Amino acid sequence: MKLLLRILLTAILVMIISYFMNGVSVDNFITSIIVAVVLGLLNILVKPILVLLTLPVTIFTLGLFLLFINAAMILLCTKIVGGFKVDSLWTAMLFSIVLSISQSIMYRLANDDK
């Protein structure tokens, strides 16, 4: 149930961010749900491999290279999911930052059952 809530929250955030951010477009809500699932799978399966392969660069840049890895995950998602489009690497990086911050806030608010 918690996973389903996270997917739905991420899908809603993807729709909201794409509405306000130039260079990002999502066709409909079903596409945003698919984007949320694909991003989750990419972050589980592909991102750890990329982080491991680029560890020296990440250490040298004091972790800032992870922003490029996150942007690469967004761009890879645009290649996989039809109806989701991000114009450039810099747009993908900004989208990734905004999505991460808003996910953190929303997950904390949704998990406030204490």
N, C-alpha and C. Protein backbone atom coordinates (compact mmCIF):
# COMPACT_ATOMS: atom_id res chain seq x y z
N MET A 1 0.82 -1.19 0.00
CA MET A 1 0.00 0.00 0.00
C MET A 1 0.86 1.26 0.00
N LYS A 2 1.96 1.20 0.76
CA LYS A 2 2.86 2.34 0.84
C LYS A 2 3.53 2.61 -0.52
N LEU A 3 3.88 1.54 -1.24
CA LEU A 3 4.49 1.68 -2.55
C LEU A 3 3.51 2.32 -3.54
N LEU A 4 2.26 1.91 -3.50
CA LEU A 4 1.24 2.47 -4.38
C LEU A 4 1.05 3.96 -4.10
N LEU A 5 1.06 4.34 -2.83
CA LEU A 5 0.93 5.75 -2.46
C LEU A 5 2.11 6.56 -2.99
N ARG A 6 3.31 6.01 -2.89
CA ARG A 6 4.49 6.70 -3.39
C ARG A 6 4.45 6.87 -4.91
N ILE A 7 3.98 5.85 -5.61
CA ILE A 7 3.87 5.94 -7.07
C ILE A 7 2.85 7.00 -7.45
N LEU A 8 1.72 7.02 -6.78
CA LEU A 8 0.69 8.02 -7.08
C LEU A 8 1.16 9.43 -6.75
N LEU A 9 1.85 9.60 -5.63
CA LEU A 9 2.38 10.93 -5.28
C LEU A 9 3.42 11.38 -6.31
N THR A 10 4.28 10.47 -6.72
CA THR A 10 5.29 10.83 -7.72
C THR A 10 4.63 11.18 -9.05
N ALA A 11 3.60 10.44 -9.44
CA ALA A 11 2.89 10.72 -10.68
C ALA A 11 2.23 12.10 -10.62
N ILE A 12 1.64 12.43 -9.50
CA ILE A 12 1.02 13.75 -9.35
C ILE A 12 2.08 14.84 -9.42
N LEU A 13 3.21 14.62 -8.76
CA LEU A 13 4.29 15.61 -8.79
C LEU A 13 4.86 15.78 -10.19
N VAL A 14 4.98 14.69 -10.94
CA VAL A 14 5.47 14.78 -12.32
C VAL A 14 4.51 15.63 -13.15
N MET A 15 3.22 15.44 -12.98
CA MET A 15 2.23 16.25 -13.71
C MET A 15 2.32 17.73 -13.33
N ILE A 16 2.44 18.00 -12.04
CA ILE A 16 2.50 19.39 -11.57
C ILE A 16 3.77 20.06 -12.07
N ILE A 17 4.90 19.38 -11.94
CA ILE A 17 6.16 19.97 -12.38
C ILE A 17 6.16 20.19 -13.88
N SER A 18 5.63 19.25 -14.64
CA SER A 18 5.60 19.43 -16.10
C SER A 18 4.69 20.57 -16.51
N TYR A 19 3.69 20.85 -15.71
CA TYR A 19 2.79 21.97 -16.01
C TYR A 19 3.51 23.31 -15.84
N PHE A 20 4.35 23.42 -14.81
CA PHE A 20 5.02 24.68 -14.51
C PHE A 20 6.39 24.84 -15.15
N MET A 21 7.03 23.76 -15.55
CA MET A 21 8.40 23.84 -16.05
C MET A 21 8.41 23.76 -17.58
N ASN A 22 9.05 24.76 -18.19
CA ASN A 22 9.22 24.73 -19.64
C ASN A 22 10.22 23.65 -20.01
N GLY A 23 9.97 22.96 -21.11
CA GLY A 23 10.89 21.94 -21.57
C GLY A 23 10.55 20.55 -21.10
N VAL A 24 9.53 20.41 -20.27
CA VAL A 24 9.08 19.11 -19.79
C VAL A 24 7.61 18.97 -20.15
N SER A 25 7.27 17.85 -20.79
CA SER A 25 5.86 17.64 -21.13
C SER A 25 5.46 16.20 -20.87
N VAL A 26 4.26 16.06 -20.35
CA VAL A 26 3.65 14.75 -20.09
C VAL A 26 2.27 14.79 -20.73
N ASP A 27 1.95 13.76 -21.52
CA ASP A 27 0.67 13.75 -22.24
C ASP A 27 -0.54 13.68 -21.33
N ASN A 28 -0.55 12.74 -20.39
CA ASN A 28 -1.72 12.57 -19.52
C ASN A 28 -1.29 11.92 -18.21
N PHE A 29 -2.28 11.70 -17.33
CA PHE A 29 -1.97 11.16 -16.00
C PHE A 29 -1.48 9.72 -16.06
N ILE A 30 -2.01 8.93 -16.99
CA ILE A 30 -1.55 7.55 -17.14
C ILE A 30 -0.07 7.53 -17.51
N THR A 31 0.34 8.45 -18.38
CA THR A 31 1.75 8.56 -18.74
C THR A 31 2.59 8.93 -17.53
N SER A 32 2.08 9.81 -16.68
CA SER A 32 2.85 10.20 -15.49
C SER A 32 2.97 9.03 -14.51
N ILE A 33 1.96 8.17 -14.44
CA ILE A 33 2.07 6.97 -13.60
C ILE A 33 3.14 6.04 -14.16
N ILE A 34 3.16 5.89 -15.48
CA ILE A 34 4.19 5.06 -16.12
C ILE A 34 5.57 5.66 -15.88
N VAL A 35 5.68 6.98 -15.96
CA VAL A 35 6.96 7.66 -15.68
C VAL A 35 7.41 7.38 -14.25
N ALA A 36 6.49 7.44 -13.31
CA ALA A 36 6.82 7.19 -11.90
C ALA A 36 7.33 5.76 -11.71
N VAL A 37 6.68 4.80 -12.34
CA VAL A 37 7.10 3.40 -12.22
C VAL A 37 8.46 3.18 -12.89
N VAL A 38 8.63 3.72 -14.10
CA VAL A 38 9.90 3.54 -14.82
C VAL A 38 11.04 4.22 -14.08
N LEU A 39 10.81 5.43 -13.56
CA LEU A 39 11.86 6.10 -12.78
C LEU A 39 12.24 5.30 -11.54
N GLY A 40 11.24 4.74 -10.89
CA GLY A 40 11.53 3.89 -9.73
C GLY A 40 12.36 2.68 -10.10
N LEU A 41 12.00 2.03 -11.21
CA LEU A 41 12.77 0.85 -11.64
C LEU A 41 14.17 1.22 -12.08
N LEU A 42 14.31 2.35 -12.79
CA LEU A 42 15.65 2.79 -13.20
C LEU A 42 16.51 3.13 -11.99
N ASN A 43 15.91 3.76 -11.00
CA ASN A 43 16.67 4.10 -9.79
C ASN A 43 17.07 2.86 -8.99
N ILE A 44 16.29 1.79 -9.11
CA ILE A 44 16.64 0.56 -8.40
C ILE A 44 17.67 -0.27 -9.18
N LEU A 45 17.50 -0.35 -10.50
CA LEU A 45 18.30 -1.27 -11.30
C LEU A 45 19.53 -0.64 -11.96
N VAL A 46 19.39 0.53 -12.54
CA VAL A 46 20.46 1.11 -13.35
C VAL A 46 21.33 2.08 -12.56
N LYS A 47 20.71 2.91 -11.72
CA LYS A 47 21.45 3.95 -11.01
C LYS A 47 22.59 3.42 -10.15
N PRO A 48 22.41 2.33 -9.38
CA PRO A 48 23.55 1.84 -8.58
C PRO A 48 24.75 1.43 -9.43
N ILE A 49 24.50 0.88 -10.60
CA ILE A 49 25.60 0.50 -11.49
C ILE A 49 26.33 1.74 -11.97
N LEU A 50 25.58 2.78 -12.38
CA LEU A 50 26.22 4.01 -12.83
C LEU A 50 26.99 4.70 -11.70
N VAL A 51 26.43 4.67 -10.51
CA VAL A 51 27.13 5.29 -9.38
C VAL A 51 28.43 4.55 -9.10
N LEU A 52 28.40 3.24 -9.17
CA LEU A 52 29.61 2.46 -8.93
C LEU A 52 30.66 2.70 -10.01
N LEU A 53 30.22 2.75 -11.27
CA LEU A 53 31.17 2.97 -12.37
C LEU A 53 31.77 4.37 -12.37
N THR A 54 31.04 5.33 -11.88
CA THR A 54 31.53 6.71 -11.88
C THR A 54 31.97 7.17 -10.49
N LEU A 55 32.27 6.25 -9.62
CA LEU A 55 32.65 6.58 -8.24
C LEU A 55 33.87 7.51 -8.16
N PRO A 56 34.93 7.29 -8.94
CA PRO A 56 36.06 8.24 -8.86
C PRO A 56 35.67 9.67 -9.24
N VAL A 57 34.86 9.82 -10.27
CA VAL A 57 34.42 11.15 -10.67
C VAL A 57 33.52 11.76 -9.60
N THR A 58 32.66 10.94 -9.02
CA THR A 58 31.76 11.42 -7.97
C THR A 58 32.56 11.88 -6.75
N ILE A 59 33.57 11.15 -6.39
CA ILE A 59 34.41 11.54 -5.25
C ILE A 59 35.17 12.82 -5.58
N PHE A 60 35.71 12.90 -6.79
CA PHE A 60 36.48 14.08 -7.21
C PHE A 60 35.61 15.34 -7.21
N THR A 61 34.34 15.20 -7.59
CA THR A 61 33.44 16.36 -7.64
C THR A 61 32.66 16.54 -6.34
N LEU A 62 33.02 15.80 -5.32
CA LEU A 62 32.39 15.87 -4.01
C LEU A 62 30.88 15.58 -4.08
N GLY A 63 30.51 14.65 -4.94
CA GLY A 63 29.13 14.21 -5.04
C GLY A 63 28.28 14.95 -6.03
N LEU A 64 28.78 16.03 -6.62
CA LEU A 64 27.97 16.80 -7.56
C LEU A 64 27.70 16.05 -8.85
N PHE A 65 28.52 15.06 -9.18
CA PHE A 65 28.29 14.28 -10.39
C PHE A 65 27.01 13.46 -10.29
N LEU A 66 26.54 13.22 -9.07
CA LEU A 66 25.28 12.50 -8.89
C LEU A 66 24.10 13.25 -9.51
N LEU A 67 24.21 14.58 -9.61
CA LEU A 67 23.17 15.35 -10.29
C LEU A 67 23.09 14.97 -11.76
N PHE A 68 24.24 14.73 -12.39
CA PHE A 68 24.26 14.32 -13.79
C PHE A 68 23.71 12.90 -13.95
N ILE A 69 23.98 12.05 -12.98
CA ILE A 69 23.44 10.69 -13.03
C ILE A 69 21.92 10.73 -12.91
N ASN A 70 21.40 11.57 -12.02
CA ASN A 70 19.95 11.71 -11.90
C ASN A 70 19.34 12.26 -13.18
N ALA A 71 20.00 13.23 -13.79
CA ALA A 71 19.52 13.78 -15.06
C ALA A 71 19.56 12.71 -16.15
N ALA A 72 20.58 11.87 -16.14
CA ALA A 72 20.66 10.78 -17.12
C ALA A 72 19.52 9.79 -16.93
N MET A 73 19.11 9.55 -15.69
CA MET A 73 17.97 8.66 -15.43
C MET A 73 16.68 9.27 -16.00
N ILE A 74 16.53 10.58 -15.88
CA ILE A 74 15.36 11.26 -16.44
C ILE A 74 15.38 11.16 -17.96
N LEU A 75 16.54 11.41 -18.58
CA LEU A 75 16.63 11.33 -20.04
C LEU A 75 16.43 9.91 -20.54
N LEU A 76 16.91 8.92 -19.80
CA LEU A 76 16.66 7.53 -20.17
C LEU A 76 15.17 7.21 -20.08
N CYS A 77 14.52 7.77 -19.11
CA CYS A 77 13.07 7.57 -18.96
C CYS A 77 12.32 8.18 -20.15
N THR A 78 12.81 9.29 -20.68
CA THR A 78 12.15 9.89 -21.84
C THR A 78 12.27 8.99 -23.07
N LYS A 79 13.36 8.24 -23.15
CA LYS A 79 13.53 7.30 -24.27
C LYS A 79 12.63 6.08 -24.13
N ILE A 80 12.33 5.69 -22.91
CA ILE A 80 11.53 4.49 -22.65
C ILE A 80 10.04 4.78 -22.72
N VAL A 81 9.62 5.88 -22.14
CA VAL A 81 8.19 6.19 -22.01
C VAL A 81 7.77 7.15 -23.12
N GLY A 82 6.85 6.73 -23.94
CA GLY A 82 6.28 7.62 -24.95
C GLY A 82 5.30 8.57 -24.29
N GLY A 83 5.31 9.81 -24.74
CA GLY A 83 4.42 10.80 -24.14
C GLY A 83 5.07 11.60 -23.03
N PHE A 84 6.30 11.28 -22.70
CA PHE A 84 7.06 12.03 -21.70
C PHE A 84 8.28 12.59 -22.40
N LYS A 85 8.48 13.91 -22.33
CA LYS A 85 9.56 14.54 -23.07
C LYS A 85 10.26 15.57 -22.20
N VAL A 86 11.58 15.51 -22.20
CA VAL A 86 12.41 16.51 -21.54
C VAL A 86 13.38 17.01 -22.60
N ASP A 87 13.49 18.33 -22.75
CA ASP A 87 14.22 18.91 -23.87
C ASP A 87 15.73 18.76 -23.81
N SER A 88 16.34 18.98 -22.64
CA SER A 88 17.80 19.00 -22.59
C SER A 88 18.31 18.41 -21.28
N LEU A 89 19.61 18.25 -21.21
CA LEU A 89 20.25 17.74 -20.00
C LEU A 89 20.02 18.68 -18.83
N TRP A 90 20.12 19.97 -19.08
CA TRP A 90 19.95 20.95 -18.00
C TRP A 90 18.51 20.99 -17.51
N THR A 91 17.57 20.84 -18.42
CA THR A 91 16.17 20.75 -18.01
C THR A 91 15.93 19.49 -17.19
N ALA A 92 16.55 18.39 -17.62
CA ALA A 92 16.42 17.13 -16.88
C ALA A 92 17.04 17.26 -15.48
N MET A 93 18.14 17.99 -15.39
CA MET A 93 18.78 18.18 -14.09
C MET A 93 17.89 19.01 -13.17
N LEU A 94 17.33 20.08 -13.69
CA LEU A 94 16.44 20.92 -12.89
C LEU A 94 15.18 20.14 -12.50
N PHE A 95 14.62 19.38 -13.45
CA PHE A 95 13.45 18.55 -13.17
C PHE A 95 13.77 17.54 -12.06
N SER A 96 14.94 16.94 -12.13
CA SER A 96 15.35 15.96 -11.13
C SER A 96 15.47 16.59 -9.74
N ILE A 97 16.05 17.78 -9.68
CA ILE A 97 16.21 18.46 -8.39
C ILE A 97 14.84 18.83 -7.80
N VAL A 98 13.99 19.41 -8.63
CA VAL A 98 12.66 19.81 -8.15
C VAL A 98 11.85 18.59 -7.73
N LEU A 99 11.91 17.52 -8.54
CA LEU A 99 11.17 16.30 -8.20
C LEU A 99 11.69 15.69 -6.90
N SER A 100 12.98 15.65 -6.71
CA SER A 100 13.54 15.07 -5.48
C SER A 100 13.13 15.85 -4.24
N ILE A 101 13.21 17.16 -4.33
CA ILE A 101 12.84 17.99 -3.18
C ILE A 101 11.35 17.87 -2.88
N SER A 102 10.52 17.92 -3.92
CA SER A 102 9.08 17.83 -3.69
C SER A 102 8.67 16.43 -3.22
N GLN A 103 9.35 15.38 -3.71
CA GLN A 103 9.07 14.03 -3.22
C GLN A 103 9.41 13.93 -1.74
N SER A 104 10.53 14.48 -1.36
CA SER A 104 10.94 14.43 0.04
C SER A 104 9.90 15.10 0.93
N ILE A 105 9.41 16.25 0.51
CA ILE A 105 8.41 16.97 1.29
C ILE A 105 7.10 16.18 1.35
N MET A 106 6.64 15.70 0.20
CA MET A 106 5.36 14.99 0.15
C MET A 106 5.41 13.66 0.90
N TYR A 107 6.50 12.93 0.78
CA TYR A 107 6.61 11.65 1.49
C TYR A 107 6.60 11.88 2.99
N ARG A 108 7.25 12.94 3.42
CA ARG A 108 7.26 13.24 4.86
C ARG A 108 5.88 13.63 5.35
N LEU A 109 5.15 14.41 4.55
CA LEU A 109 3.78 14.80 4.93
C LEU A 109 2.82 13.62 4.90
N ALA A 110 2.99 12.74 3.92
CA ALA A 110 2.08 11.58 3.79
C ALA A 110 2.37 10.52 4.84
N ASN A 111 3.56 10.49 5.36
CA ASN A 111 3.95 9.47 6.33
C ASN A 111 3.86 9.98 7.76
N ASP A 112 3.08 11.03 7.97
CA ASP A 112 2.96 11.67 9.28
C ASP A 112 1.89 10.97 10.11
N ASP A 113 2.15 9.68 10.46
CA ASP A 113 1.18 8.91 11.23
C ASP A 113 1.61 8.72 12.68
N LYS A 114 2.52 9.47 13.17
CA LYS A 114 3.03 9.30 14.54
C LYS A 114 2.22 10.07 15.53
